[in-house]
Amino acid sequence: MSEQDPRRESTTRSRGLGGELRQKRLAAGWSSGVLAAALGWSLGKVSKLEAGVRGASATDVAAYLALCKVKGAEFARLVELCRESGKDTWVRPFGGDGRTAVAEHERATAITCYACTVIPGPLRTPDYARALRCGEVPGRAGAVFYLEEQALRRPVGGPAVMHDQLMHLLLVPAVVRVVPTGAGGHAGVPGPFALLDAAGGRSVVHLESMVADVFLENPEHVAGYRAALEGISAVALDVAGSREVISGLAGCG
C-alpha cells in the first residue's frame, strides 16, 4: 500500500482513535519504542497509528490495546472505531473528555466559524463560558468569526459579564464580523458551524448539538458549508462596521 493510497489519509475518526491509543499507552507506562518492540512493529508504525494515519487493521489495534491492558467495553469500542475509521461522518456523543474537538481545532491551519445564538467557544471569556456551563475551546489568531447580532445582545451572565465579553471581542487577534439582524434570512439560518481547513487540503465541518459533536468530511458536505459561508459573508458587516456595533453594545460608542 503506497503512501498515496487514499486508505492512508487520516479522518476525524482515525485521528481520534490515535489520540486515545496514545493515552492508553501512556497510562500503561509504555514508551512508544518499547511498545513497538514488544509488538514486533517498527517505531514508525506506532507513530503513524497514534497520529491517525490510516492503514492499521482492527487486529493491529486489538494487539496494541491488549498490551496496554485495555479490556471489556472500552476494548470493543476502540476496535470498532478502527473498523469505522474510513467513514466521513462521525457523531461523537458527549461524555468523553472533549479532546477530539479540541484536537481538530488545534490542527486546523484556518478556522471559519458562524454563530447565531451565543458567542462561540474560542471567543468566550471564562465568566461567559461559566454562565453557559460550557467548557473552553482554544482560540486561534487569524481565525474568522461571523456572529449574529442577536448573539451579542443576549444577556448571558448579566450586564457585567456581557460588558467584559463584548470588550474581549474588540481585543481578540481574530477577524470578527457581525451579521446584522436586519439581514433577514440567509445561508447561515439553519444553524451554527465551524469549517476547519488543515494542511494537505483536508477540511472538516464541526457541528455542536446538546448531546454530541458531529464531524463532516464528505467533500460535498464541506462544499455546501463553504458555499454557506460565502452567503453569510455577503450580508455581514465589514470589520470596521462590526467593531462599531460591538463598541456600541459595550457602551463605548
C-alpha atoms as a PDB file:
ATOM      1  CA  MET A   1       0.000   0.000   0.000  1.00  0.00           C
ATOM      2  CA  SER A   2       1.628   3.265  -1.135  1.00  0.00           C
ATOM      3  CA  GLU A   3       1.708   6.450   0.898  1.00  0.00           C
ATOM      4  CA  GLN A   4      -0.581   7.999  -1.735  1.00  0.00           C
ATOM      5  CA  ASP A   5      -3.210   5.314  -1.266  1.00  0.00           C
ATOM      6  CA  PRO A   6      -6.423   7.093  -0.141  1.00  0.00           C
ATOM      7  CA  ARG A   7      -6.845   4.494   2.581  1.00  0.00           C
ATOM      8  CA  ARG A   8      -3.846   6.086   4.306  1.00  0.00           C
ATOM      9  CA  GLU A   9      -5.488   9.507   4.533  1.00  0.00           C
ATOM     10  CA  SER A  10      -6.452  10.378   8.071  1.00  0.00           C
ATOM     11  CA  THR A  11     -10.021  11.061   9.136  1.00  0.00           C
ATOM     12  CA  THR A  12     -11.505  12.582  12.257  1.00  0.00           C
ATOM     13  CA  ARG A  13     -12.214   9.059  13.497  1.00  0.00           C
ATOM     14  CA  SER A  14      -8.679   7.788  12.854  1.00  0.00           C
ATOM     15  CA  ARG A  15      -7.154  10.858  14.491  1.00  0.00           C
ATOM     16  CA  GLY A  16      -9.478  10.469  17.462  1.00  0.00           C
ATOM     17  CA  LEU A  17      -8.550   6.798  17.710  1.00  0.00           C
ATOM     18  CA  GLY A  18      -4.848   7.619  17.523  1.00  0.00           C
ATOM     19  CA  GLY A  19      -5.122  10.142  20.327  1.00  0.00           C
ATOM     20  CA  GLU A  20      -6.963   7.678  22.537  1.00  0.00           C
ATOM     21  CA  LEU A  21      -4.451   4.921  21.849  1.00  0.00           C
ATOM     22  CA  ARG A  22      -1.597   7.210  22.825  1.00  0.00           C
ATOM     23  CA  GLN A  23      -3.362   7.991  26.106  1.00  0.00           C
ATOM     24  CA  LYS A  24      -3.807   4.264  26.781  1.00  0.00           C
ATOM     25  CA  ARG A  25      -0.100   3.652  26.122  1.00  0.00           C
ATOM     26  CA  LEU A  26       0.980   6.443  28.440  1.00  0.00           C
ATOM     27  CA  ALA A  27      -1.423   5.264  31.158  1.00  0.00           C
ATOM     28  CA  ALA A  28       0.063   1.769  30.879  1.00  0.00           C
ATOM     29  CA  GLY A  29       3.583   3.136  31.276  1.00  0.00           C
ATOM     30  CA  TRP A  30       4.898   2.120  27.844  1.00  0.00           C
ATOM     31  CA  SER A  31       7.246   4.243  25.759  1.00  0.00           C
ATOM     32  CA  SER A  32       6.454   4.128  22.048  1.00  0.00           C
ATOM     33  CA  GLY A  33       9.759   2.408  21.276  1.00  0.00           C
ATOM     34  CA  VAL A  34       9.372  -0.344  23.876  1.00  0.00           C
ATOM     35  CA  LEU A  35       5.753  -0.967  22.864  1.00  0.00           C
ATOM     36  CA  ALA A  36       6.778  -1.208  19.197  1.00  0.00           C
ATOM     37  CA  ALA A  37       9.454  -3.761  20.062  1.00  0.00           C
ATOM     38  CA  ALA A  38       7.013  -5.805  22.165  1.00  0.00           C
ATOM     39  CA  LEU A  39       4.585  -5.924  19.249  1.00  0.00           C
ATOM     40  CA  GLY A  40       7.282  -6.647  16.674  1.00  0.00           C
ATOM     41  CA  TRP A  41       6.471  -3.388  14.870  1.00  0.00           C
ATOM     42  CA  SER A  42       8.612  -0.540  13.655  1.00  0.00           C
ATOM     43  CA  LEU A  43       8.530   2.669  15.673  1.00  0.00           C
ATOM     44  CA  GLY A  44       7.127   4.361  12.575  1.00  0.00           C
ATOM     45  CA  LYS A  45       4.083   2.088  12.604  1.00  0.00           C
ATOM     46  CA  VAL A  46       3.255   3.064  16.178  1.00  0.00           C
ATOM     47  CA  SER A  47       3.808   6.746  15.389  1.00  0.00           C
ATOM     48  CA  LYS A  48       1.516   6.627  12.342  1.00  0.00           C
ATOM     49  CA  LEU A  49      -1.184   4.776  14.253  1.00  0.00           C
ATOM     50  CA  GLU A  50      -1.132   7.344  17.061  1.00  0.00           C
ATOM     51  CA  ALA A  51      -1.066  10.203  14.537  1.00  0.00           C
ATOM     52  CA  GLY A  52      -4.232   8.895  12.916  1.00  0.00           C
ATOM     53  CA  VAL A  53      -2.698   7.803   9.617  1.00  0.00           C
ATOM     54  CA  ARG A  54      -4.995   5.059   8.428  1.00  0.00           C
ATOM     55  CA  GLY A  55      -3.726   1.667   7.365  1.00  0.00           C
ATOM     56  CA  ALA A  56      -3.699  -0.233  10.651  1.00  0.00           C
ATOM     57  CA  SER A  57      -6.095  -3.157  10.899  1.00  0.00           C
ATOM     58  CA  ALA A  58      -8.518  -3.944  13.695  1.00  0.00           C
ATOM     59  CA  THR A  59      -6.155  -6.808  14.573  1.00  0.00           C
ATOM     60  CA  ASP A  60      -3.289  -4.328  15.000  1.00  0.00           C
ATOM     61  CA  VAL A  61      -5.395  -2.138  17.266  1.00  0.00           C
ATOM     62  CA  ALA A  62      -6.536  -5.155  19.279  1.00  0.00           C
ATOM     63  CA  ALA A  63      -2.922  -6.224  19.836  1.00  0.00           C
ATOM     64  CA  TYR A  64      -1.955  -2.676  20.856  1.00  0.00           C
ATOM     65  CA  LEU A  65      -4.840  -2.482  23.342  1.00  0.00           C
ATOM     66  CA  ALA A  66      -4.163  -5.925  24.782  1.00  0.00           C
ATOM     67  CA  LEU A  67      -0.588  -4.941  25.533  1.00  0.00           C
ATOM     68  CA  CYS A  68      -1.896  -1.818  27.288  1.00  0.00           C
ATOM     69  CA  LYS A  69      -4.265  -3.968  29.401  1.00  0.00           C
ATOM     70  CA  VAL A  70      -7.414  -2.409  27.896  1.00  0.00           C
ATOM     71  CA  LYS A  71     -10.339  -4.813  28.240  1.00  0.00           C
ATOM     72  CA  GLY A  72     -14.110  -5.156  28.034  1.00  0.00           C
ATOM     73  CA  ALA A  73     -16.371  -2.473  26.619  1.00  0.00           C
ATOM     74  CA  GLU A  74     -13.523   0.002  26.147  1.00  0.00           C
ATOM     75  CA  PHE A  75     -11.548  -2.557  24.134  1.00  0.00           C
ATOM     76  CA  ALA A  76     -14.574  -3.288  21.935  1.00  0.00           C
ATOM     77  CA  ARG A  77     -15.333   0.422  21.424  1.00  0.00           C
ATOM     78  CA  LEU A  78     -11.841   1.264  20.200  1.00  0.00           C
ATOM     79  CA  VAL A  79     -11.603  -1.750  17.887  1.00  0.00           C
ATOM     80  CA  GLU A  80     -14.948  -0.779  16.372  1.00  0.00           C
ATOM     81  CA  LEU A  81     -13.717   2.804  15.989  1.00  0.00           C
ATOM     82  CA  CYS A  82     -10.802   1.422  13.969  1.00  0.00           C
ATOM     83  CA  ARG A  83     -13.160  -0.561  11.731  1.00  0.00           C
ATOM     84  CA  GLU A  84     -15.166   2.596  11.026  1.00  0.00           C
ATOM     85  CA  SER A  85     -12.184   4.913  10.590  1.00  0.00           C
ATOM     86  CA  GLY A  86     -12.794   5.373   6.862  1.00  0.00           C
ATOM     87  CA  LYS A  87     -16.265   6.884   7.254  1.00  0.00           C
ATOM     88  CA  ASP A  88     -16.605  10.593   6.538  1.00  0.00           C
ATOM     89  CA  THR A  89     -19.321  11.403   9.086  1.00  0.00           C
ATOM     90  CA  TRP A  90     -18.825  10.925  12.811  1.00  0.00           C
ATOM     91  CA  VAL A  91     -21.367  11.654  15.520  1.00  0.00           C
ATOM     92  CA  ARG A  92     -19.450  11.559  18.786  1.00  0.00           C
ATOM     93  CA  PRO A  93     -21.672  11.644  21.879  1.00  0.00           C
ATOM     94  CA  PHE A  94     -20.700  13.968  24.689  1.00  0.00           C
ATOM     95  CA  GLY A  95     -19.474  12.376  27.869  1.00  0.00           C
ATOM     96  CA  GLY A  96     -15.800  11.970  26.981  1.00  0.00           C
ATOM     97  CA  ASP A  97     -13.026  14.417  27.676  1.00  0.00           C
ATOM     98  CA  GLY A  98     -13.741  16.612  24.647  1.00  0.00           C
ATOM     99  CA  ARG A  99     -10.204  16.004  23.375  1.00  0.00           C
ATOM    100  CA  THR A 100     -11.247  15.228  19.783  1.00  0.00           C
ATOM    101  CA  ALA A 101     -12.947  18.571  19.142  1.00  0.00           C
ATOM    102  CA  VAL A 102     -10.062  20.479  20.725  1.00  0.00           C
ATOM    103  CA  ALA A 103      -7.519  18.495  18.679  1.00  0.00           C
ATOM    104  CA  GLU A 104      -9.371  19.167  15.430  1.00  0.00           C
ATOM    105  CA  HIS A 105      -9.408  22.912  16.139  1.00  0.00           C
ATOM    106  CA  GLU A 106      -5.718  22.850  17.064  1.00  0.00           C
ATOM    107  CA  ARG A 107      -4.652  21.022  13.891  1.00  0.00           C
ATOM    108  CA  ALA A 108      -6.538  23.408  11.612  1.00  0.00           C
ATOM    109  CA  THR A 109      -4.491  25.943   9.686  1.00  0.00           C
ATOM    110  CA  ALA A 110      -7.595  28.059   9.045  1.00  0.00           C
ATOM    111  CA  ILE A 111     -10.839  28.293  11.045  1.00  0.00           C
ATOM    112  CA  THR A 112     -14.026  29.980   9.914  1.00  0.00           C
ATOM    113  CA  CYS A 113     -16.939  29.937  12.346  1.00  0.00           C
ATOM    114  CA  TYR A 114     -20.559  31.069  12.177  1.00  0.00           C
ATOM    115  CA  ALA A 115     -22.513  31.533  15.431  1.00  0.00           C
ATOM    116  CA  CYS A 116     -26.123  32.612  15.657  1.00  0.00           C
ATOM    117  CA  THR A 117     -27.251  32.180  19.276  1.00  0.00           C
ATOM    118  CA  VAL A 118     -24.281  32.671  21.627  1.00  0.00           C
ATOM    119  CA  ILE A 119     -20.624  33.688  21.388  1.00  0.00           C
ATOM    120  CA  PRO A 120     -18.633  30.644  20.145  1.00  0.00           C
ATOM    121  CA  GLY A 121     -16.147  28.837  22.396  1.00  0.00           C
ATOM    122  CA  PRO A 122     -12.857  30.289  21.084  1.00  0.00           C
ATOM    123  CA  LEU A 123     -14.102  33.855  21.704  1.00  0.00           C
ATOM    124  CA  ARG A 124     -15.612  33.370  25.169  1.00  0.00           C
ATOM    125  CA  THR A 125     -14.295  34.901  28.340  1.00  0.00           C
ATOM    126  CA  PRO A 126     -14.060  32.465  31.285  1.00  0.00           C
ATOM    127  CA  ASP A 127     -17.029  34.142  33.026  1.00  0.00           C
ATOM    128  CA  TYR A 128     -19.177  33.941  29.889  1.00  0.00           C
ATOM    129  CA  ALA A 129     -18.274  30.259  29.444  1.00  0.00           C
ATOM    130  CA  ARG A 130     -19.157  29.531  33.084  1.00  0.00           C
ATOM    131  CA  ALA A 131     -22.511  31.287  32.669  1.00  0.00           C
ATOM    132  CA  LEU A 132     -23.244  28.954  29.770  1.00  0.00           C
ATOM    133  CA  ARG A 133     -21.879  25.963  31.722  1.00  0.00           C
ATOM    134  CA  CYS A 134     -19.664  25.156  28.764  1.00  0.00           C
ATOM    135  CA  GLY A 135     -16.036  24.173  28.537  1.00  0.00           C
ATOM    136  CA  GLU A 136     -13.430  26.397  26.945  1.00  0.00           C
ATOM    137  CA  VAL A 137     -12.139  25.885  23.404  1.00  0.00           C
ATOM    138  CA  PRO A 138      -8.694  27.193  22.431  1.00  0.00           C
ATOM    139  CA  GLY A 139      -8.670  30.342  20.317  1.00  0.00           C
ATOM    140  CA  ARG A 140      -6.636  30.855  17.190  1.00  0.00           C
ATOM    141  CA  ALA A 141      -5.091  34.051  15.854  1.00  0.00           C
ATOM    142  CA  GLY A 142      -6.250  34.746  12.319  1.00  0.00           C
ATOM    143  CA  ALA A 143      -9.495  32.806  12.616  1.00  0.00           C
ATOM    144  CA  VAL A 144     -12.632  34.358  11.120  1.00  0.00           C
ATOM    145  CA  PHE A 145     -15.888  34.538  13.076  1.00  0.00           C
ATOM    146  CA  TYR A 146     -19.299  35.576  11.811  1.00  0.00           C
ATOM    147  CA  LEU A 147     -21.545  36.464  14.759  1.00  0.00           C
ATOM    148  CA  GLU A 148     -25.245  37.185  14.569  1.00  0.00           C
ATOM    149  CA  GLU A 149     -26.161  40.472  16.212  1.00  0.00           C
ATOM    150  CA  GLN A 150     -28.706  38.665  18.379  1.00  0.00           C
ATOM    151  CA  ALA A 151     -25.879  36.619  19.965  1.00  0.00           C
ATOM    152  CA  LEU A 152     -24.204  39.871  21.012  1.00  0.00           C
ATOM    153  CA  ARG A 153     -27.433  41.172  22.536  1.00  0.00           C
ATOM    154  CA  ARG A 154     -28.291  38.034  24.539  1.00  0.00           C
ATOM    155  CA  PRO A 155     -27.507  38.951  28.201  1.00  0.00           C
ATOM    156  CA  VAL A 156     -25.613  35.821  29.227  1.00  0.00           C
ATOM    157  CA  GLY A 157     -24.399  36.048  32.822  1.00  0.00           C
ATOM    158  CA  GLY A 158     -25.682  39.581  33.402  1.00  0.00           C
ATOM    159  CA  PRO A 159     -24.524  43.089  32.373  1.00  0.00           C
ATOM    160  CA  ALA A 160     -21.004  42.907  33.826  1.00  0.00           C
ATOM    161  CA  VAL A 161     -20.228  39.562  32.179  1.00  0.00           C
ATOM    162  CA  MET A 162     -21.601  40.771  28.851  1.00  0.00           C
ATOM    163  CA  HIS A 163     -19.658  44.031  29.015  1.00  0.00           C
ATOM    164  CA  ASP A 164     -16.403  42.145  29.576  1.00  0.00           C
ATOM    165  CA  GLN A 165     -17.302  39.697  26.818  1.00  0.00           C
ATOM    166  CA  LEU A 166     -18.010  42.453  24.308  1.00  0.00           C
ATOM    167  CA  MET A 167     -14.788  44.247  25.213  1.00  0.00           C
ATOM    168  CA  HIS A 168     -12.945  40.964  24.752  1.00  0.00           C
ATOM    169  CA  LEU A 169     -14.303  40.716  21.197  1.00  0.00           C
ATOM    170  CA  LEU A 170     -12.667  44.066  20.422  1.00  0.00           C
ATOM    171  CA  LEU A 171      -9.268  42.770  21.579  1.00  0.00           C
ATOM    172  CA  VAL A 172      -9.039  39.206  20.268  1.00  0.00           C
ATOM    173  CA  PRO A 173      -6.494  38.553  17.467  1.00  0.00           C
ATOM    174  CA  ALA A 174      -9.189  37.267  15.129  1.00  0.00           C
ATOM    175  CA  VAL A 175     -11.459  38.647  12.442  1.00  0.00           C
ATOM    176  CA  VAL A 176     -14.913  39.272  13.902  1.00  0.00           C
ATOM    177  CA  ARG A 177     -17.764  40.248  11.582  1.00  0.00           C
ATOM    178  CA  VAL A 178     -21.302  40.906  12.711  1.00  0.00           C
ATOM    179  CA  VAL A 179     -24.343  39.693  10.777  1.00  0.00           C
ATOM    180  CA  PRO A 180     -26.994  42.365  11.447  1.00  0.00           C
ATOM    181  CA  THR A 181     -30.463  41.241  12.415  1.00  0.00           C
ATOM    182  CA  GLY A 182     -31.781  43.306   9.514  1.00  0.00           C
ATOM    183  CA  ALA A 183     -30.059  40.946   7.075  1.00  0.00           C
ATOM    184  CA  GLY A 184     -33.087  38.668   7.373  1.00  0.00           C
ATOM    185  CA  GLY A 185     -32.925  35.148   6.023  1.00  0.00           C
ATOM    186  CA  HIS A 186     -29.552  33.987   4.690  1.00  0.00           C
ATOM    187  CA  ALA A 187     -27.417  30.882   4.175  1.00  0.00           C
ATOM    188  CA  GLY A 188     -26.482  30.561   7.851  1.00  0.00           C
ATOM    189  CA  VAL A 189     -30.003  30.461   9.249  1.00  0.00           C
ATOM    190  CA  PRO A 190     -30.066  26.619   9.575  1.00  0.00           C
ATOM    191  CA  GLY A 191     -27.537  26.749  12.426  1.00  0.00           C
ATOM    192  CA  PRO A 192     -24.002  27.369  13.717  1.00  0.00           C
ATOM    193  CA  PHE A 193     -20.927  25.555  12.422  1.00  0.00           C
ATOM    194  CA  ALA A 194     -17.147  25.754  12.127  1.00  0.00           C
ATOM    195  CA  LEU A 195     -15.174  24.999   8.977  1.00  0.00           C
ATOM    196  CA  LEU A 196     -11.703  23.682   9.826  1.00  0.00           C
ATOM    197  CA  ASP A 197      -9.168  23.646   6.987  1.00  0.00           C
ATOM    198  CA  ALA A 198      -5.928  21.736   7.559  1.00  0.00           C
ATOM    199  CA  ALA A 199      -2.675  21.164   5.695  1.00  0.00           C
ATOM    200  CA  GLY A 200      -2.881  18.866   2.696  1.00  0.00           C
ATOM    201  CA  GLY A 201      -6.265  20.192   1.615  1.00  0.00           C
ATOM    202  CA  ARG A 202      -8.226  18.278   4.250  1.00  0.00           C
ATOM    203  CA  SER A 203     -11.275  20.046   5.641  1.00  0.00           C
ATOM    204  CA  VAL A 204     -13.730  19.174   8.401  1.00  0.00           C
ATOM    205  CA  VAL A 205     -17.037  20.773   9.346  1.00  0.00           C
ATOM    206  CA  HIS A 206     -17.645  20.684  13.102  1.00  0.00           C
ATOM    207  CA  LEU A 207     -21.201  20.938  14.416  1.00  0.00           C
ATOM    208  CA  GLU A 208     -22.165  21.014  18.085  1.00  0.00           C
ATOM    209  CA  SER A 209     -25.514  19.887  19.445  1.00  0.00           C
ATOM    210  CA  MET A 210     -26.742  19.494  23.018  1.00  0.00           C
ATOM    211  CA  VAL A 211     -25.673  15.850  23.120  1.00  0.00           C
ATOM    212  CA  ALA A 212     -22.918  15.311  20.561  1.00  0.00           C
ATOM    213  CA  ASP A 213     -20.131  16.633  18.366  1.00  0.00           C
ATOM    214  CA  VAL A 214     -20.658  15.988  14.658  1.00  0.00           C
ATOM    215  CA  PHE A 215     -17.721  15.918  12.234  1.00  0.00           C
ATOM    216  CA  LEU A 216     -18.382  16.007   8.474  1.00  0.00           C
ATOM    217  CA  GLU A 217     -15.622  15.248   5.960  1.00  0.00           C
ATOM    218  CA  ASN A 218     -17.575  14.301   2.840  1.00  0.00           C
ATOM    219  CA  PRO A 219     -16.376  16.722   0.122  1.00  0.00           C
ATOM    220  CA  GLU A 220     -19.931  17.556  -0.944  1.00  0.00           C
ATOM    221  CA  HIS A 221     -20.944  18.370   2.632  1.00  0.00           C
ATOM    222  CA  VAL A 222     -17.854  20.530   3.115  1.00  0.00           C
ATOM    223  CA  ALA A 223     -18.531  22.331  -0.182  1.00  0.00           C
ATOM    224  CA  GLY A 224     -22.090  23.065   0.943  1.00  0.00           C
ATOM    225  CA  TYR A 225     -20.908  24.705   4.145  1.00  0.00           C
ATOM    226  CA  ARG A 226     -18.205  26.613   2.286  1.00  0.00           C
ATOM    227  CA  ALA A 227     -20.879  27.987  -0.028  1.00  0.00           C
ATOM    228  CA  ALA A 228     -22.967  28.930   3.017  1.00  0.00           C
ATOM    229  CA  LEU A 229     -20.037  30.957   4.334  1.00  0.00           C
ATOM    230  CA  GLU A 230     -19.931  32.898   1.081  1.00  0.00           C
ATOM    231  CA  GLY A 231     -23.602  33.775   1.545  1.00  0.00           C
ATOM    232  CA  ILE A 232     -23.027  34.786   5.168  1.00  0.00           C
ATOM    233  CA  SER A 233     -20.041  36.937   4.195  1.00  0.00           C
ATOM    234  CA  ALA A 234     -22.176  38.730   1.625  1.00  0.00           C
ATOM    235  CA  VAL A 235     -24.623  40.003   4.292  1.00  0.00           C
ATOM    236  CA  ALA A 236     -22.162  40.532   7.180  1.00  0.00           C
ATOM    237  CA  LEU A 237     -20.778  43.929   8.107  1.00  0.00           C
ATOM    238  CA  ASP A 238     -17.116  44.562   7.393  1.00  0.00           C
ATOM    239  CA  VAL A 239     -14.619  44.538  10.274  1.00  0.00           C
ATOM    240  CA  ALA A 240     -14.854  48.286  10.898  1.00  0.00           C
ATOM    241  CA  GLY A 241     -18.656  48.274  10.883  1.00  0.00           C
ATOM    242  CA  SER A 242     -18.683  45.246  13.159  1.00  0.00           C
ATOM    243  CA  ARG A 243     -16.416  46.974  15.684  1.00  0.00           C
ATOM    244  CA  GLU A 244     -18.803  49.932  15.748  1.00  0.00           C
ATOM    245  CA  VAL A 245     -21.729  47.647  16.584  1.00  0.00           C
ATOM    246  CA  ILE A 246     -19.788  45.796  19.283  1.00  0.00           C
ATOM    247  CA  SER A 247     -18.465  49.045  20.768  1.00  0.00           C
ATOM    248  CA  GLY A 248     -21.971  50.485  20.881  1.00  0.00           C
ATOM    249  CA  LEU A 249     -23.358  47.427  22.652  1.00  0.00           C
ATOM    250  CA  ALA A 250     -20.475  47.573  25.146  1.00  0.00           C
ATOM    251  CA  GLY A 251     -21.288  51.211  25.884  1.00  0.00           C
ATOM    252  CA  CYS A 252     -18.135  52.536  24.263  1.00  0.00           C
ATOM    253  CA  GLY A 253     -19.730  54.162  21.247  1.00  0.00           C
END
